[in-house]
Structure formats: C-alpha cells, structure tokens
C-alpha cells in the first residue's frame, strides 16, 4: 500500500502582500473610472436602461356554469318525471 506524500504543490498558495496591494489598487481604479464614465454619460443626457417589461399573465378559462348532475341524480329525476306523466 503506497504512502501518500503531501507536497506544497497541492496546497493553496498564499498571496503576497504586493499582489494584494496591486489588486486593491486595480479595483479602486476601476471603480473611479466607472463612476467618472457614469457622470459623463449623465451629463450628456444618456438615460439609464429602462426596467424590463413585466409579462402579462393569460387568465385561466372561466368555468361554465352548466347544470350538470351526477348520473344517479339524473336517473332519479328521469324516474320522477316519468312517474308524473
């Protein structure tokens, strides 16, 4: 049975402080550029995108109010009508 040897190649690498600082600088720069672009677009009269249109629901079919009776009641009514005639 082979023994498992754990190397550092399988472990997650930690970021250096220099890389974290560079990432933060890039994120901050992107945010400021985006904010400036938004201000310029607003000054030129560009409106924000319209909200998406809400789809209309199709109503369910209305039940018809027919006078339908169960079979036994129907037969009973026929018998009663036959007795009266």
PDB file of N, CA and C in Angstrom:
ATOM      1  N   UNK A   1       0.848  -1.165   0.000  1.00  0.00           N
ATOM      2  CA  UNK A   1       0.000   0.000   0.000  1.00  0.00           C
ATOM      3  C   UNK A   1       0.899   1.235   0.000  1.00  0.00           C
ATOM      4  N   UNK A   2       0.753   2.070  -1.035  1.00  0.00           N
ATOM      5  CA  UNK A   2       1.650   3.232  -1.128  1.00  0.00           C
ATOM      6  C   UNK A   2       1.263   4.306  -0.117  1.00  0.00           C
ATOM      7  N   UNK A   3       2.248   4.959   0.368  1.00  0.00           N
ATOM      8  CA  UNK A   3       2.026   6.057   1.296  1.00  0.00           C
ATOM      9  C   UNK A   3       1.784   7.335   0.514  1.00  0.00           C
ATOM     10  N   UNK A   4       0.850   8.126   0.983  1.00  0.00           N
ATOM     11  CA  UNK A   4       0.576   9.390   0.328  1.00  0.00           C
ATOM     12  C   UNK A   4       1.510  10.452   0.864  1.00  0.00           C
ATOM     13  N   UNK A   5       2.134  11.136  -0.016  1.00  0.00           N
ATOM     14  CA  UNK A   5       3.060  12.198   0.373  1.00  0.00           C
ATOM     15  C   UNK A   5       2.440  13.525  -0.052  1.00  0.00           C
ATOM     16  N   UNK A   6       2.294  14.421   0.902  1.00  0.00           N
ATOM     17  CA  UNK A   6       1.707  15.721   0.611  1.00  0.00           C
ATOM     18  C   UNK A   6       2.830  16.718   0.334  1.00  0.00           C
ATOM     19  N   UNK A   7       2.801  17.295  -0.846  1.00  0.00           N
ATOM     20  CA  UNK A   7       3.768  18.325  -1.220  1.00  0.00           C
ATOM     21  C   UNK A   7       3.133  19.689  -1.045  1.00  0.00           C
ATOM     22  N   UNK A   8       3.948  20.646  -1.222  1.00  0.00           N
ATOM     23  CA  UNK A   8       3.436  22.002  -1.206  1.00  0.00           C
ATOM     24  C   UNK A   8       2.732  22.318  -2.523  1.00  0.00           C
ATOM     25  N   UNK A   9       2.930  21.498  -3.549  1.00  0.00           N
ATOM     26  CA  UNK A   9       2.284  21.766  -4.831  1.00  0.00           C
ATOM     27  C   UNK A   9       0.786  21.558  -4.742  1.00  0.00           C
ATOM     28  N   UNK A  10       0.330  20.736  -3.804  1.00  0.00           N
ATOM     29  CA  UNK A  10      -1.096  20.501  -3.657  1.00  0.00           C
ATOM     30  C   UNK A  10      -1.765  21.541  -2.766  1.00  0.00           C
ATOM     31  N   UNK A  11      -0.999  22.254  -2.027  1.00  0.00           N
ATOM     32  CA  UNK A  11      -1.543  23.241  -1.101  1.00  0.00           C
ATOM     33  C   UNK A  11      -1.837  24.541  -1.859  1.00  0.00           C
ATOM     34  N   UNK A  12      -2.815  25.274  -1.398  1.00  0.00           N
ATOM     35  CA  UNK A  12      -3.123  26.561  -1.998  1.00  0.00           C
ATOM     36  C   UNK A  12      -2.012  27.545  -1.666  1.00  0.00           C
ATOM     37  N   UNK A  13      -1.676  28.327  -2.651  1.00  0.00           N
ATOM     38  CA  UNK A  13      -0.606  29.306  -2.447  1.00  0.00           C
ATOM     39  C   UNK A  13      -1.182  30.572  -1.841  1.00  0.00           C
ATOM     40  N   UNK A  14      -0.450  31.144  -0.911  1.00  0.00           N
ATOM     41  CA  UNK A  14      -0.871  32.389  -0.298  1.00  0.00           C
ATOM     42  C   UNK A  14      -0.429  33.547  -1.181  1.00  0.00           C
ATOM     43  N   UNK A  15      -1.246  34.601  -1.186  1.00  0.00           N
ATOM     44  CA  UNK A  15      -0.892  35.780  -1.966  1.00  0.00           C
ATOM     45  C   UNK A  15       0.137  36.599  -1.208  1.00  0.00           C
ATOM     46  N   UNK A  16       0.997  37.208  -1.946  1.00  0.00           N
ATOM     47  CA  UNK A  16       1.970  38.110  -1.337  1.00  0.00           C
ATOM     48  C   UNK A  16       1.280  39.429  -1.014  1.00  0.00           C
ATOM     49  N   UNK A  17       1.848  40.181  -0.124  1.00  0.00           N
ATOM     50  CA  UNK A  17       1.299  41.489   0.234  1.00  0.00           C
ATOM     51  C   UNK A  17       1.344  42.429  -0.969  1.00  0.00           C
ATOM     52  N   UNK A  18       2.372  42.266  -1.825  1.00  0.00           N
ATOM     53  CA  UNK A  18       2.481  43.113  -3.014  1.00  0.00           C
ATOM     54  C   UNK A  18       1.328  42.845  -3.978  1.00  0.00           C
ATOM     55  N   UNK A  19       0.975  41.574  -4.145  1.00  0.00           N
ATOM     56  CA  UNK A  19      -0.110  41.233  -5.052  1.00  0.00           C
ATOM     57  C   UNK A  19      -1.447  41.753  -4.527  1.00  0.00           C
ATOM     58  N   UNK A  20      -1.673  41.646  -3.208  1.00  0.00           N
ATOM     59  CA  UNK A  20      -2.917  42.145  -2.629  1.00  0.00           C
ATOM     60  C   UNK A  20      -3.027  43.653  -2.802  1.00  0.00           C
ATOM     61  N   UNK A  21      -1.928  44.362  -2.604  1.00  0.00           N
ATOM     62  CA  UNK A  21      -1.933  45.813  -2.767  1.00  0.00           C
ATOM     63  C   UNK A  21      -2.221  46.177  -4.215  1.00  0.00           C
ATOM     64  N   UNK A  22      -1.630  45.423  -5.143  1.00  0.00           N
ATOM     65  CA  UNK A  22      -1.849  45.692  -6.564  1.00  0.00           C
ATOM     66  C   UNK A  22      -3.303  45.421  -6.937  1.00  0.00           C
ATOM     67  N   UNK A  23      -3.879  44.357  -6.371  1.00  0.00           N
ATOM     68  CA  UNK A  23      -5.283  44.049  -6.644  1.00  0.00           C
ATOM     69  C   UNK A  23      -6.185  45.164  -6.127  1.00  0.00           C
ATOM     70  N   UNK A  24      -5.912  45.655  -4.929  1.00  0.00           N
ATOM     71  CA  UNK A  24      -6.732  46.723  -4.358  1.00  0.00           C
ATOM     72  C   UNK A  24      -6.631  47.994  -5.186  1.00  0.00           C
ATOM     73  N   UNK A  25      -5.434  48.297  -5.665  1.00  0.00           N
ATOM     74  CA  UNK A  25      -5.242  49.492  -6.487  1.00  0.00           C
ATOM     75  C   UNK A  25      -6.022  49.376  -7.786  1.00  0.00           C
ATOM     76  N   UNK A  26      -5.986  48.191  -8.401  1.00  0.00           N
ATOM     77  CA  UNK A  26      -6.720  47.986  -9.652  1.00  0.00           C
ATOM     78  C   UNK A  26      -8.226  48.092  -9.433  1.00  0.00           C
ATOM     79  N   UNK A  27      -8.716  47.550  -8.345  1.00  0.00           N
ATOM     80  CA  UNK A  27     -10.152  47.609  -8.058  1.00  0.00           C
ATOM     81  C   UNK A  27     -10.578  49.048  -7.822  1.00  0.00           C
ATOM     82  N   UNK A  28      -9.796  49.779  -7.047  1.00  0.00           N
ATOM     83  CA  UNK A  28     -10.120  51.181  -6.793  1.00  0.00           C
ATOM     84  C   UNK A  28     -10.104  51.996  -8.083  1.00  0.00           C
ATOM     85  N   UNK A  29      -9.130  51.743  -8.936  1.00  0.00           N
ATOM     86  CA  UNK A  29      -9.046  52.465 -10.204  1.00  0.00           C
ATOM     87  C   UNK A  29     -10.252  52.157 -11.082  1.00  0.00           C
ATOM     88  N   UNK A  30     -10.651  50.908 -11.124  1.00  0.00           N
ATOM     89  CA  UNK A  30     -11.807  50.528 -11.941  1.00  0.00           C
ATOM     90  C   UNK A  30     -13.080  51.199 -11.433  1.00  0.00           C
ATOM     91  N   UNK A  31     -13.235  51.290 -10.117  1.00  0.00           N
ATOM     92  CA  UNK A  31     -14.418  51.931  -9.546  1.00  0.00           C
ATOM     93  C   UNK A  31     -14.461  53.414  -9.883  1.00  0.00           C
ATOM     94  N   UNK A  32     -13.308  54.087  -9.771  1.00  0.00           N
ATOM     95  CA  UNK A  32     -13.292  55.523 -10.058  1.00  0.00           C
ATOM     96  C   UNK A  32     -13.534  55.788 -11.541  1.00  0.00           C
ATOM     97  N   UNK A  33     -12.980  54.941 -12.409  1.00  0.00           N
ATOM     98  CA  UNK A  33     -13.202  55.108 -13.845  1.00  0.00           C
ATOM     99  C   UNK A  33     -14.676  54.898 -14.176  1.00  0.00           C
ATOM    100  N   UNK A  34     -15.300  53.889 -13.562  1.00  0.00           N
ATOM    101  CA  UNK A  34     -16.722  53.628 -13.790  1.00  0.00           C
ATOM    102  C   UNK A  34     -17.591  54.769 -13.313  1.00  0.00           C
ATOM    103  N   UNK A  35     -17.257  55.318 -12.161  1.00  0.00           N
ATOM    104  CA  UNK A  35     -18.034  56.437 -11.628  1.00  0.00           C
ATOM    105  C   UNK A  35     -17.899  57.662 -12.533  1.00  0.00           C
ATOM    106  N   UNK A  36     -16.699  57.909 -13.015  1.00  0.00           N
ATOM    107  CA  UNK A  36     -16.485  59.060 -13.906  1.00  0.00           C
ATOM    108  C   UNK A  36     -17.237  58.857 -15.221  1.00  0.00           C
ATOM    109  N   UNK A  37     -17.211  57.656 -15.750  1.00  0.00           N
ATOM    110  CA  UNK A  37     -17.925  57.384 -17.004  1.00  0.00           C
ATOM    111  C   UNK A  37     -19.424  57.572 -16.814  1.00  0.00           C
ATOM    112  N   UNK A  38     -19.949  57.177 -15.656  1.00  0.00           N
ATOM    113  CA  UNK A  38     -21.368  57.366 -15.372  1.00  0.00           C
ATOM    114  C   UNK A  38     -21.744  58.827 -15.285  1.00  0.00           C
ATOM    115  N   UNK A  39     -20.869  59.640 -14.679  1.00  0.00           N
ATOM    116  CA  UNK A  39     -21.140  61.079 -14.576  1.00  0.00           C
ATOM    117  C   UNK A  39     -21.123  61.740 -15.946  1.00  0.00           C
ATOM    118  N   UNK A  40     -20.170  61.335 -16.792  1.00  0.00           N
ATOM    119  CA  UNK A  40     -20.086  61.901 -18.144  1.00  0.00           C
ATOM    120  C   UNK A  40     -21.332  61.521 -18.944  1.00  0.00           C
ATOM    121  N   UNK A  41     -21.764  60.272 -18.843  1.00  0.00           N
ATOM    122  CA  UNK A  41     -22.945  59.825 -19.584  1.00  0.00           C
ATOM    123  C   UNK A  41     -24.187  60.564 -19.102  1.00  0.00           C
ATOM    124  N   UNK A  42     -24.302  60.797 -17.790  1.00  0.00           N
ATOM    125  CA  UNK A  42     -25.455  61.516 -17.259  1.00  0.00           C
ATOM    126  C   UNK A  42     -25.440  62.967 -17.729  1.00  0.00           C
ATOM    127  N   UNK A  43     -24.255  63.558 -17.834  1.00  0.00           N
ATOM    128  CA  UNK A  43     -24.151  64.950 -18.291  1.00  0.00           C
ATOM    129  C   UNK A  43     -24.541  65.063 -19.764  1.00  0.00           C
ATOM    130  N   UNK A  44     -24.247  64.033 -20.545  1.00  0.00           N
ATOM    131  CA  UNK A  44     -24.590  64.063 -21.963  1.00  0.00           C
ATOM    132  C   UNK A  44     -26.056  63.722 -22.210  1.00  0.00           C
ATOM    133  N   UNK A  45     -26.748  63.304 -21.190  1.00  0.00           N
ATOM    134  CA  UNK A  45     -28.183  63.042 -21.337  1.00  0.00           C
ATOM    135  C   UNK A  45     -28.519  61.584 -21.567  1.00  0.00           C
ATOM    136  N   UNK A  46     -27.588  60.709 -21.369  1.00  0.00           N
ATOM    137  CA  UNK A  46     -27.884  59.290 -21.535  1.00  0.00           C
ATOM    138  C   UNK A  46     -28.694  58.818 -20.335  1.00  0.00           C
ATOM    139  N   UNK A  47     -29.838  58.212 -20.612  1.00  0.00           N
ATOM    140  CA  UNK A  47     -30.699  57.731 -19.532  1.00  0.00           C
ATOM    141  C   UNK A  47     -30.317  56.297 -19.188  1.00  0.00           C
ATOM    142  N   UNK A  48     -30.505  55.912 -17.963  1.00  0.00           N
ATOM    143  CA  UNK A  48     -30.232  54.518 -17.615  1.00  0.00           C
ATOM    144  C   UNK A  48     -31.208  53.595 -18.326  1.00  0.00           C
ATOM    145  N   UNK A  49     -30.844  52.356 -18.453  1.00  0.00           N
ATOM    146  CA  UNK A  49     -31.699  51.392 -19.141  1.00  0.00           C
ATOM    147  C   UNK A  49     -33.058  51.317 -18.465  1.00  0.00           C
ATOM    148  N   UNK A  50     -34.089  51.172 -19.296  1.00  0.00           N
ATOM    149  CA  UNK A  50     -35.443  51.053 -18.767  1.00  0.00           C
ATOM    150  C   UNK A  50     -35.601  49.700 -18.091  1.00  0.00           C
ATOM    151  N   UNK A  51     -36.405  49.640 -17.055  1.00  0.00           N
ATOM    152  CA  UNK A  51     -36.612  48.341 -16.396  1.00  0.00           C
ATOM    153  C   UNK A  51     -37.294  47.378 -17.361  1.00  0.00           C
ATOM    154  N   UNK A  52     -37.044  46.105 -17.245  1.00  0.00           N
ATOM    155  CA  UNK A  52     -37.648  45.145 -18.169  1.00  0.00           C
ATOM    156  C   UNK A  52     -39.167  45.141 -18.038  1.00  0.00           C
ATOM    157  N   UNK A  53     -39.842  44.929 -19.154  1.00  0.00           N
ATOM    158  CA  UNK A  53     -41.297  44.926 -19.144  1.00  0.00           C
ATOM    159  C   UNK A  53     -41.799  43.664 -18.469  1.00  0.00           C
ATOM    160  N   UNK A  54     -42.846  43.843 -17.701  1.00  0.00           N
ATOM    161  CA  UNK A  54     -43.429  42.708 -16.998  1.00  0.00           C
ATOM    162  C   UNK A  54     -44.380  41.999 -17.951  1.00  0.00           C
ATOM    163  N   UNK A  55     -44.220  40.687 -18.062  1.00  0.00           N
ATOM    164  CA  UNK A  55     -45.081  39.942 -18.975  1.00  0.00           C
ATOM    165  C   UNK A  55     -46.496  39.863 -18.398  1.00  0.00           C
ATOM    166  N   UNK A  56     -47.470  39.886 -19.290  1.00  0.00           N
ATOM    167  CA  UNK A  56     -48.860  39.828 -18.874  1.00  0.00           C
ATOM    168  C   UNK A  56     -49.273  38.368 -18.754  1.00  0.00           C
ATOM    169  N   UNK A  57     -49.960  38.061 -17.678  1.00  0.00           N
ATOM    170  CA  UNK A  57     -50.428  36.698 -17.486  1.00  0.00           C
ATOM    171  C   UNK A  57     -51.731  36.494 -18.252  1.00  0.00           C
ATOM    172  N   UNK A  58     -51.851  35.342 -18.859  1.00  0.00           N
ATOM    173  CA  UNK A  58     -53.082  34.991 -19.552  1.00  0.00           C
ATOM    174  C   UNK A  58     -54.029  34.409 -18.503  1.00  0.00           C
ATOM    175  N   UNK A  59     -55.233  34.961 -18.379  1.00  0.00           N
ATOM    176  CA  UNK A  59     -56.131  34.456 -17.344  1.00  0.00           C
ATOM    177  C   UNK A  59     -56.586  33.034 -17.647  1.00  0.00           C
ATOM    178  N   UNK A  60     -56.936  32.323 -16.599  1.00  0.00           N
ATOM    179  CA  UNK A  60     -57.425  30.960 -16.771  1.00  0.00           C
ATOM    180  C   UNK A  60     -58.817  30.989 -17.382  1.00  0.00           C
ATOM    181  N   UNK A  61     -59.186  29.893 -18.011  1.00  0.00           N
ATOM    182  CA  UNK A  61     -60.512  29.816 -18.608  1.00  0.00           C
ATOM    183  C   UNK A  61     -61.567  29.804 -17.514  1.00  0.00           C
ATOM    184  N   UNK A  62     -62.638  30.534 -17.754  1.00  0.00           N
ATOM    185  CA  UNK A  62     -63.715  30.614 -16.789  1.00  0.00           C
ATOM    186  C   UNK A  62     -64.562  29.355 -16.918  1.00  0.00           C
ATOM    187  N   UNK A  63     -64.911  28.750 -15.780  1.00  0.00           N
ATOM    188  CA  UNK A  63     -65.737  27.556 -15.807  1.00  0.00           C
ATOM    189  C   UNK A  63     -67.149  27.927 -16.222  1.00  0.00           C
ATOM    190  N   UNK A  64     -67.722  27.075 -17.042  1.00  0.00           N
ATOM    191  CA  UNK A  64     -69.093  27.308 -17.470  1.00  0.00           C
ATOM    192  C   UNK A  64     -70.032  26.805 -16.380  1.00  0.00           C
ATOM    193  N   UNK A  65     -71.068  27.546 -16.147  1.00  0.00           N
ATOM    194  CA  UNK A  65     -71.991  27.209 -15.077  1.00  0.00           C
ATOM    195  C   UNK A  65     -73.134  26.374 -15.656  1.00  0.00           C
ATOM    196  N   UNK A  66     -72.825  25.169 -16.090  1.00  0.00           N
ATOM    197  CA  UNK A  66     -73.843  24.293 -16.662  1.00  0.00           C
ATOM    198  C   UNK A  66     -74.519  23.524 -15.545  1.00  0.00           C
ATOM    199  N   UNK A  67     -75.732  23.184 -15.800  1.00  0.00           N
ATOM    200  CA  UNK A  67     -76.459  22.392 -14.825  1.00  0.00           C
ATOM    201  C   UNK A  67     -76.203  20.908 -15.034  1.00  0.00           C
ATOM    202  N   UNK A  68     -75.045  20.450 -14.676  1.00  0.00           N
ATOM    203  CA  UNK A  68     -74.722  19.030 -14.830  1.00  0.00           C
ATOM    204  C   UNK A  68     -74.891  18.349 -13.482  1.00  0.00           C
ATOM    205  N   UNK A  69     -75.527  17.219 -13.521  1.00  0.00           N
ATOM    206  CA  UNK A  69     -75.740  16.468 -12.298  1.00  0.00           C
ATOM    207  C   UNK A  69     -75.067  15.115 -12.410  1.00  0.00           C
ATOM    208  N   UNK A  70     -74.723  14.527 -11.287  1.00  0.00           N
ATOM    209  CA  UNK A  70     -74.186  13.172 -11.330  1.00  0.00           C
ATOM    210  C   UNK A  70     -75.219  12.191 -11.885  1.00  0.00           C
ATOM    211  N   UNK A  71     -74.720  11.070 -12.323  1.00  0.00           N
ATOM    212  CA  UNK A  71     -75.570  10.090 -13.005  1.00  0.00           C
ATOM    213  C   UNK A  71     -76.759   9.645 -12.158  1.00  0.00           C
ATOM    214  N   UNK A  72     -76.548   9.367 -10.872  1.00  0.00           N
ATOM    215  CA  UNK A  72     -77.641   8.862 -10.030  1.00  0.00           C
ATOM    216  C   UNK A  72     -78.743   9.908  -9.879  1.00  0.00           C
ATOM    217  N   UNK A  73     -78.342  11.156  -9.686  1.00  0.00           N
ATOM    218  CA  UNK A  73     -79.351  12.210  -9.551  1.00  0.00           C
ATOM    219  C   UNK A  73     -80.106  12.398 -10.856  1.00  0.00           C
ATOM    220  N   UNK A  74     -79.411  12.278 -11.950  1.00  0.00           N
ATOM    221  CA  UNK A  74     -80.038  12.437 -13.258  1.00  0.00           C
ATOM    222  C   UNK A  74     -81.082  11.334 -13.477  1.00  0.00           C
ATOM    223  N   UNK A  75     -80.714  10.102 -13.122  1.00  0.00           N
ATOM    224  CA  UNK A  75     -81.639   8.976 -13.279  1.00  0.00           C
ATOM    225  C   UNK A  75     -82.843   9.150 -12.357  1.00  0.00           C
ATOM    226  N   UNK A  76     -82.580   9.640 -11.157  1.00  0.00           N
ATOM    227  CA  UNK A  76     -83.684   9.846 -10.219  1.00  0.00           C
ATOM    228  C   UNK A  76     -84.651  10.898 -10.748  1.00  0.00           C
ATOM    229  N   UNK A  77     -84.129  11.951 -11.355  1.00  0.00           N
ATOM    230  CA  UNK A  77     -85.001  12.981 -11.926  1.00  0.00           C
ATOM    231  C   UNK A  77     -85.814  12.424 -13.093  1.00  0.00           C
ATOM    232  N   UNK A  78     -85.180  11.582 -13.913  1.00  0.00           N
ATOM    233  CA  UNK A  78     -85.904  10.979 -15.039  1.00  0.00           C
ATOM    234  C   UNK A  78     -87.024  10.081 -14.531  1.00  0.00           C
ATOM    235  N   UNK A  79     -86.761   9.296 -13.475  1.00  0.00           N
ATOM    236  CA  UNK A  79     -87.786   8.429 -12.899  1.00  0.00           C
ATOM    237  C   UNK A  79     -88.945   9.266 -12.345  1.00  0.00           C
ATOM    238  N   UNK A  80     -88.594  10.344 -11.646  1.00  0.00           N
ATOM    239  CA  UNK A  80     -89.633  11.204 -11.066  1.00  0.00           C
ATOM    240  C   UNK A  80     -90.471  11.852 -12.163  1.00  0.00           C
ATOM    241  N   UNK A  81     -89.820  12.249 -13.260  1.00  0.00           N
ATOM    242  CA  UNK A  81     -90.551  12.873 -14.370  1.00  0.00           C
ATOM    243  C   UNK A  81     -91.429  11.831 -15.057  1.00  0.00           C
ATOM    244  N   UNK A  82     -90.973  10.573 -15.139  1.00  0.00           N
ATOM    245  CA  UNK A  82     -91.758   9.519 -15.779  1.00  0.00           C
ATOM    246  C   UNK A  82     -92.968   9.175 -14.919  1.00  0.00           C
ATOM    247  N   UNK A  83     -92.860   9.226 -13.589  1.00  0.00           N
ATOM    248  CA  UNK A  83     -93.977   8.918 -12.694  1.00  0.00           C
ATOM    249  C   UNK A  83     -95.075   9.957 -12.820  1.00  0.00           C
ATOM    250  N   UNK A  84     -94.665  11.199 -12.985  1.00  0.00           N
ATOM    251  CA  UNK A  84     -95.661  12.265 -13.059  1.00  0.00           C
ATOM    252  C   UNK A  84     -96.426  12.228 -14.368  1.00  0.00           C
ATOM    253  N   UNK A  85     -95.865  11.702 -15.410  1.00  0.00           N
ATOM    254  CA  UNK A  85     -96.577  11.673 -16.694  1.00  0.00           C
ATOM    255  C   UNK A  85     -97.491  10.525 -16.839  1.00  0.00           C
TER     256      UNK A  85
END
